[in-house]
Amino acid sequence: MEHFAGYVGRHGSNATVATGGLEAEIGRLVGSGNTGGLVCRPDQLADRLHELSCRS
């Protein structure tokens, strides 16, 4: 992913990236409850990171 992001940053791209499989996997992990505390729905990520950072 890092190489892809670097390439697109240097060369630009109008292509869209299919994220359906990734979104389904995130949904599966969130639903399993076995995420180690970090995996959450993308719209809740900032709140979850803030919550986890306050634990240390």
PDB file of N, CA and C in Angstrom:
ATOM      1  N   MET A   1       0.831  -1.180   0.000  1.00  0.00           N
ATOM      2  CA  MET A   1       0.000   0.000   0.000  1.00  0.00           C
ATOM      3  C   MET A   1       0.879   1.247   0.000  1.00  0.00           C
ATOM      4  N   GLU A   2       1.975   1.206   0.748  1.00  0.00           N
ATOM      5  CA  GLU A   2       2.879   2.359   0.804  1.00  0.00           C
ATOM      6  C   GLU A   2       3.455   2.672  -0.571  1.00  0.00           C
ATOM      7  N   HIS A   3       3.857   1.635  -1.308  1.00  0.00           N
ATOM      8  CA  HIS A   3       4.407   1.841  -2.653  1.00  0.00           C
ATOM      9  C   HIS A   3       3.347   2.426  -3.586  1.00  0.00           C
ATOM     10  N   PHE A   4       2.134   1.906  -3.489  1.00  0.00           N
ATOM     11  CA  PHE A   4       1.039   2.407  -4.315  1.00  0.00           C
ATOM     12  C   PHE A   4       0.767   3.879  -4.002  1.00  0.00           C
ATOM     13  N   ALA A   5       0.689   4.221  -2.726  1.00  0.00           N
ATOM     14  CA  ALA A   5       0.428   5.604  -2.328  1.00  0.00           C
ATOM     15  C   ALA A   5       1.545   6.528  -2.804  1.00  0.00           C
ATOM     16  N   GLY A   6       2.784   6.057  -2.716  1.00  0.00           N
ATOM     17  CA  GLY A   6       3.913   6.859  -3.196  1.00  0.00           C
ATOM     18  C   GLY A   6       3.849   7.087  -4.692  1.00  0.00           C
ATOM     19  N   TYR A   7       3.515   6.042  -5.444  1.00  0.00           N
ATOM     20  CA  TYR A   7       3.404   6.166  -6.892  1.00  0.00           C
ATOM     21  C   TYR A   7       2.313   7.166  -7.263  1.00  0.00           C
ATOM     22  N   VAL A   8       1.157   7.015  -6.655  1.00  0.00           N
ATOM     23  CA  VAL A   8       0.048   7.924  -6.954  1.00  0.00           C
ATOM     24  C   VAL A   8       0.410   9.345  -6.544  1.00  0.00           C
ATOM     25  N   GLY A   9       1.114   9.503  -5.434  1.00  0.00           N
ATOM     26  CA  GLY A   9       1.540  10.836  -5.014  1.00  0.00           C
ATOM     27  C   GLY A   9       2.484  11.485  -6.012  1.00  0.00           C
ATOM     28  N   ARG A  10       3.360  10.690  -6.613  1.00  0.00           N
ATOM     29  CA  ARG A  10       4.325  11.222  -7.585  1.00  0.00           C
ATOM     30  C   ARG A  10       3.709  11.431  -8.965  1.00  0.00           C
ATOM     31  N   HIS A  11       2.819  10.531  -9.375  1.00  0.00           N
ATOM     32  CA  HIS A  11       2.327  10.533 -10.754  1.00  0.00           C
ATOM     33  C   HIS A  11       0.855  10.911 -10.896  1.00  0.00           C
ATOM     34  N   GLY A  12       0.122  10.897  -9.823  1.00  0.00           N
ATOM     35  CA  GLY A  12      -1.306  11.186  -9.888  1.00  0.00           C
ATOM     36  C   GLY A  12      -2.075  10.031 -10.507  1.00  0.00           C
ATOM     37  N   SER A  13      -3.347  10.012 -10.272  1.00  0.00           N
ATOM     38  CA  SER A  13      -4.178   8.959 -10.840  1.00  0.00           C
ATOM     39  C   SER A  13      -5.640   9.361 -10.738  1.00  0.00           C
ATOM     40  N   ASN A  14      -6.388   9.043 -11.769  1.00  0.00           N
ATOM     41  CA  ASN A  14      -7.833   9.249 -11.748  1.00  0.00           C
ATOM     42  C   ASN A  14      -8.561   7.949 -11.456  1.00  0.00           C
ATOM     43  N   ALA A  15      -7.808   6.868 -11.283  1.00  0.00           N
ATOM     44  CA  ALA A  15      -8.407   5.555 -11.060  1.00  0.00           C
ATOM     45  C   ALA A  15      -9.011   5.485  -9.660  1.00  0.00           C
ATOM     46  N   THR A  16     -10.085   4.737  -9.557  1.00  0.00           N
ATOM     47  CA  THR A  16     -10.669   4.490  -8.245  1.00  0.00           C
ATOM     48  C   THR A  16     -10.170   3.138  -7.743  1.00  0.00           C
ATOM     49  N   VAL A  17     -10.086   3.010  -6.464  1.00  0.00           N
ATOM     50  CA  VAL A  17      -9.619   1.776  -5.851  1.00  0.00           C
ATOM     51  C   VAL A  17     -10.826   1.051  -5.276  1.00  0.00           C
ATOM     52  N   ALA A  18     -10.981  -0.200  -5.634  1.00  0.00           N
ATOM     53  CA  ALA A  18     -12.082  -1.003  -5.100  1.00  0.00           C
ATOM     54  C   ALA A  18     -11.815  -1.299  -3.620  1.00  0.00           C
ATOM     55  N   THR A  19     -12.729  -0.891  -2.765  1.00  0.00           N
ATOM     56  CA  THR A  19     -12.536  -1.091  -1.327  1.00  0.00           C
ATOM     57  C   THR A  19     -13.582  -2.001  -0.718  1.00  0.00           C
ATOM     58  N   GLY A  20     -14.447  -2.566  -1.537  1.00  0.00           N
ATOM     59  CA  GLY A  20     -15.525  -3.413  -1.022  1.00  0.00           C
ATOM     60  C   GLY A  20     -15.031  -4.560  -0.167  1.00  0.00           C
ATOM     61  N   GLY A  21     -13.986  -5.253  -0.622  1.00  0.00           N
ATOM     62  CA  GLY A  21     -13.448  -6.372   0.147  1.00  0.00           C
ATOM     63  C   GLY A  21     -12.858  -5.917   1.462  1.00  0.00           C
ATOM     64  N   LEU A  22     -12.160  -4.804   1.440  1.00  0.00           N
ATOM     65  CA  LEU A  22     -11.570  -4.270   2.662  1.00  0.00           C
ATOM     66  C   LEU A  22     -12.652  -3.821   3.629  1.00  0.00           C
ATOM     67  N   GLU A  23     -13.657  -3.166   3.125  1.00  0.00           N
ATOM     68  CA  GLU A  23     -14.768  -2.730   3.987  1.00  0.00           C
ATOM     69  C   GLU A  23     -15.488  -3.924   4.600  1.00  0.00           C
ATOM     70  N   ALA A  24     -15.659  -4.983   3.825  1.00  0.00           N
ATOM     71  CA  ALA A  24     -16.306  -6.187   4.351  1.00  0.00           C
ATOM     72  C   ALA A  24     -15.457  -6.816   5.447  1.00  0.00           C
ATOM     73  N   GLU A  25     -14.149  -6.843   5.261  1.00  0.00           N
ATOM     74  CA  GLU A  25     -13.265  -7.422   6.270  1.00  0.00           C
ATOM     75  C   GLU A  25     -13.282  -6.593   7.554  1.00  0.00           C
ATOM     76  N   ILE A  26     -13.301  -5.278   7.439  1.00  0.00           N
ATOM     77  CA  ILE A  26     -13.397  -4.423   8.626  1.00  0.00           C
ATOM     78  C   ILE A  26     -14.707  -4.690   9.345  1.00  0.00           C
ATOM     79  N   GLY A  27     -15.788  -4.793   8.591  1.00  0.00           N
ATOM     80  CA  GLY A  27     -17.083  -5.099   9.182  1.00  0.00           C
ATOM     81  C   GLY A  27     -17.072  -6.438   9.905  1.00  0.00           C
ATOM     82  N   ARG A  28     -16.416  -7.433   9.304  1.00  0.00           N
ATOM     83  CA  ARG A  28     -16.327  -8.751   9.926  1.00  0.00           C
ATOM     84  C   ARG A  28     -15.547  -8.680  11.224  1.00  0.00           C
ATOM     85  N   LEU A  29     -14.404  -7.991  11.205  1.00  0.00           N
ATOM     86  CA  LEU A  29     -13.577  -7.870  12.412  1.00  0.00           C
ATOM     87  C   LEU A  29     -14.301  -7.123  13.517  1.00  0.00           C
ATOM     88  N   VAL A  30     -14.948  -6.027  13.161  1.00  0.00           N
ATOM     89  CA  VAL A  30     -15.702  -5.256  14.160  1.00  0.00           C
ATOM     90  C   VAL A  30     -16.788  -6.116  14.773  1.00  0.00           C
ATOM     91  N   GLY A  31     -17.477  -6.876  13.951  1.00  0.00           N
ATOM     92  CA  GLY A  31     -18.559  -7.725  14.436  1.00  0.00           C
ATOM     93  C   GLY A  31     -18.088  -8.883  15.293  1.00  0.00           C
ATOM     94  N   SER A  32     -16.835  -9.315  15.097  1.00  0.00           N
ATOM     95  CA  SER A  32     -16.332 -10.471  15.845  1.00  0.00           C
ATOM     96  C   SER A  32     -16.021 -10.121  17.289  1.00  0.00           C
ATOM     97  N   GLY A  33     -15.755  -8.842  17.573  1.00  0.00           N
ATOM     98  CA  GLY A  33     -15.408  -8.432  18.929  1.00  0.00           C
ATOM     99  C   GLY A  33     -13.997  -8.823  19.327  1.00  0.00           C
ATOM    100  N   ASN A  34     -13.250  -9.484  18.443  1.00  0.00           N
ATOM    101  CA  ASN A  34     -11.902  -9.940  18.748  1.00  0.00           C
ATOM    102  C   ASN A  34     -10.894  -9.098  17.962  1.00  0.00           C
ATOM    103  N   THR A  35     -10.823  -7.802  18.268  1.00  0.00           N
ATOM    104  CA  THR A  35     -10.010  -6.884  17.469  1.00  0.00           C
ATOM    105  C   THR A  35      -8.811  -6.332  18.215  1.00  0.00           C
ATOM    106  N   GLY A  36      -8.669  -6.649  19.471  1.00  0.00           N
ATOM    107  CA  GLY A  36      -7.570  -6.078  20.238  1.00  0.00           C
ATOM    108  C   GLY A  36      -7.812  -4.625  20.577  1.00  0.00           C
ATOM    109  N   GLY A  37      -9.002  -4.136  20.287  1.00  0.00           N
ATOM    110  CA  GLY A  37      -9.360  -2.781  20.664  1.00  0.00           C
ATOM    111  C   GLY A  37      -9.112  -1.716  19.625  1.00  0.00           C
ATOM    112  N   LEU A  38      -8.387  -2.014  18.548  1.00  0.00           N
ATOM    113  CA  LEU A  38      -8.055  -0.964  17.591  1.00  0.00           C
ATOM    114  C   LEU A  38      -8.988  -0.929  16.395  1.00  0.00           C
ATOM    115  N   VAL A  39      -9.434  -2.065  15.921  1.00  0.00           N
ATOM    116  CA  VAL A  39     -10.277  -2.100  14.735  1.00  0.00           C
ATOM    117  C   VAL A  39     -11.680  -1.637  15.104  1.00  0.00           C
ATOM    118  N   CYS A  40     -12.171  -0.667  14.361  1.00  0.00           N
ATOM    119  CA  CYS A  40     -13.518  -0.164  14.570  1.00  0.00           C
ATOM    120  C   CYS A  40     -14.038   0.361  13.248  1.00  0.00           C
ATOM    121  N   ARG A  41     -15.287   0.751  13.235  1.00  0.00           N
ATOM    122  CA  ARG A  41     -15.840   1.342  12.012  1.00  0.00           C
ATOM    123  C   ARG A  41     -15.068   2.623  11.697  1.00  0.00           C
ATOM    124  N   PRO A  42     -14.788   2.879  10.420  1.00  0.00           N
ATOM    125  CA  PRO A  42     -13.994   4.055  10.052  1.00  0.00           C
ATOM    126  C   PRO A  42     -14.534   5.377  10.602  1.00  0.00           C
ATOM    127  N   ASP A  43     -15.854   5.514  10.715  1.00  0.00           N
ATOM    128  CA  ASP A  43     -16.401   6.763  11.224  1.00  0.00           C
ATOM    129  C   ASP A  43     -16.199   6.918  12.729  1.00  0.00           C
ATOM    130  N   GLN A  44     -15.709   5.872  13.391  1.00  0.00           N
ATOM    131  CA  GLN A  44     -15.449   5.933  14.826  1.00  0.00           C
ATOM    132  C   GLN A  44     -13.957   5.905  15.145  1.00  0.00           C
ATOM    133  N   LEU A  45     -13.112   5.884  14.117  1.00  0.00           N
ATOM    134  CA  LEU A  45     -11.675   5.695  14.309  1.00  0.00           C
ATOM    135  C   LEU A  45     -11.045   6.780  15.171  1.00  0.00           C
ATOM    136  N   ALA A  46     -11.316   8.042  14.890  1.00  0.00           N
ATOM    137  CA  ALA A  46     -10.686   9.126  15.664  1.00  0.00           C
ATOM    138  C   ALA A  46     -11.045   9.017  17.142  1.00  0.00           C
ATOM    139  N   ASP A  47     -12.307   8.767  17.443  1.00  0.00           N
ATOM    140  CA  ASP A  47     -12.717   8.627  18.844  1.00  0.00           C
ATOM    141  C   ASP A  47     -12.044   7.427  19.497  1.00  0.00           C
ATOM    142  N   ARG A  48     -11.939   6.324  18.769  1.00  0.00           N
ATOM    143  CA  ARG A  48     -11.326   5.105  19.317  1.00  0.00           C
ATOM    144  C   ARG A  48      -9.842   5.320  19.579  1.00  0.00           C
ATOM    145  N   LEU A  49      -9.127   5.962  18.659  1.00  0.00           N
ATOM    146  CA  LEU A  49      -7.703   6.252  18.865  1.00  0.00           C
ATOM    147  C   LEU A  49      -7.505   7.167  20.066  1.00  0.00           C
ATOM    148  N   HIS A  50      -8.362   8.152  20.214  1.00  0.00           N
ATOM    149  CA  HIS A  50      -8.263   9.054  21.366  1.00  0.00           C
ATOM    150  C   HIS A  50      -8.472   8.273  22.660  1.00  0.00           C
ATOM    151  N   GLU A  51      -9.463   7.413  22.659  1.00  0.00           N
ATOM    152  CA  GLU A  51      -9.768   6.604  23.852  1.00  0.00           C
ATOM    153  C   GLU A  51      -8.575   5.706  24.202  1.00  0.00           C
ATOM    154  N   LEU A  52      -7.996   5.040  23.207  1.00  0.00           N
ATOM    155  CA  LEU A  52      -6.860   4.158  23.458  1.00  0.00           C
ATOM    156  C   LEU A  52      -5.627   4.934  23.915  1.00  0.00           C
ATOM    157  N   SER A  53      -5.411   6.134  23.378  1.00  0.00           N
ATOM    158  CA  SER A  53      -4.243   6.909  23.786  1.00  0.00           C
ATOM    159  C   SER A  53      -4.351   7.410  25.222  1.00  0.00           C
ATOM    160  N   CYS A  54      -5.556   7.559  25.730  1.00  0.00           N
ATOM    161  CA  CYS A  54      -5.740   7.999  27.103  1.00  0.00           C
ATOM    162  C   CYS A  54      -5.441   6.891  28.117  1.00  0.00           C
ATOM    163  N   ARG A  55      -5.398   5.647  27.662  1.00  0.00           N
ATOM    164  CA  ARG A  55      -5.132   4.516  28.552  1.00  0.00           C
ATOM    165  C   ARG A  55      -3.684   4.450  28.985  1.00  0.00           C
ATOM    166  N   SER A  56      -2.757   5.006  28.194  1.00  0.00           N
ATOM    167  CA  SER A  56      -1.335   4.870  28.520  1.00  0.00           C
ATOM    168  C   SER A  56      -0.871   5.861  29.538  1.00  0.00           C
TER     169      SER A  56
END
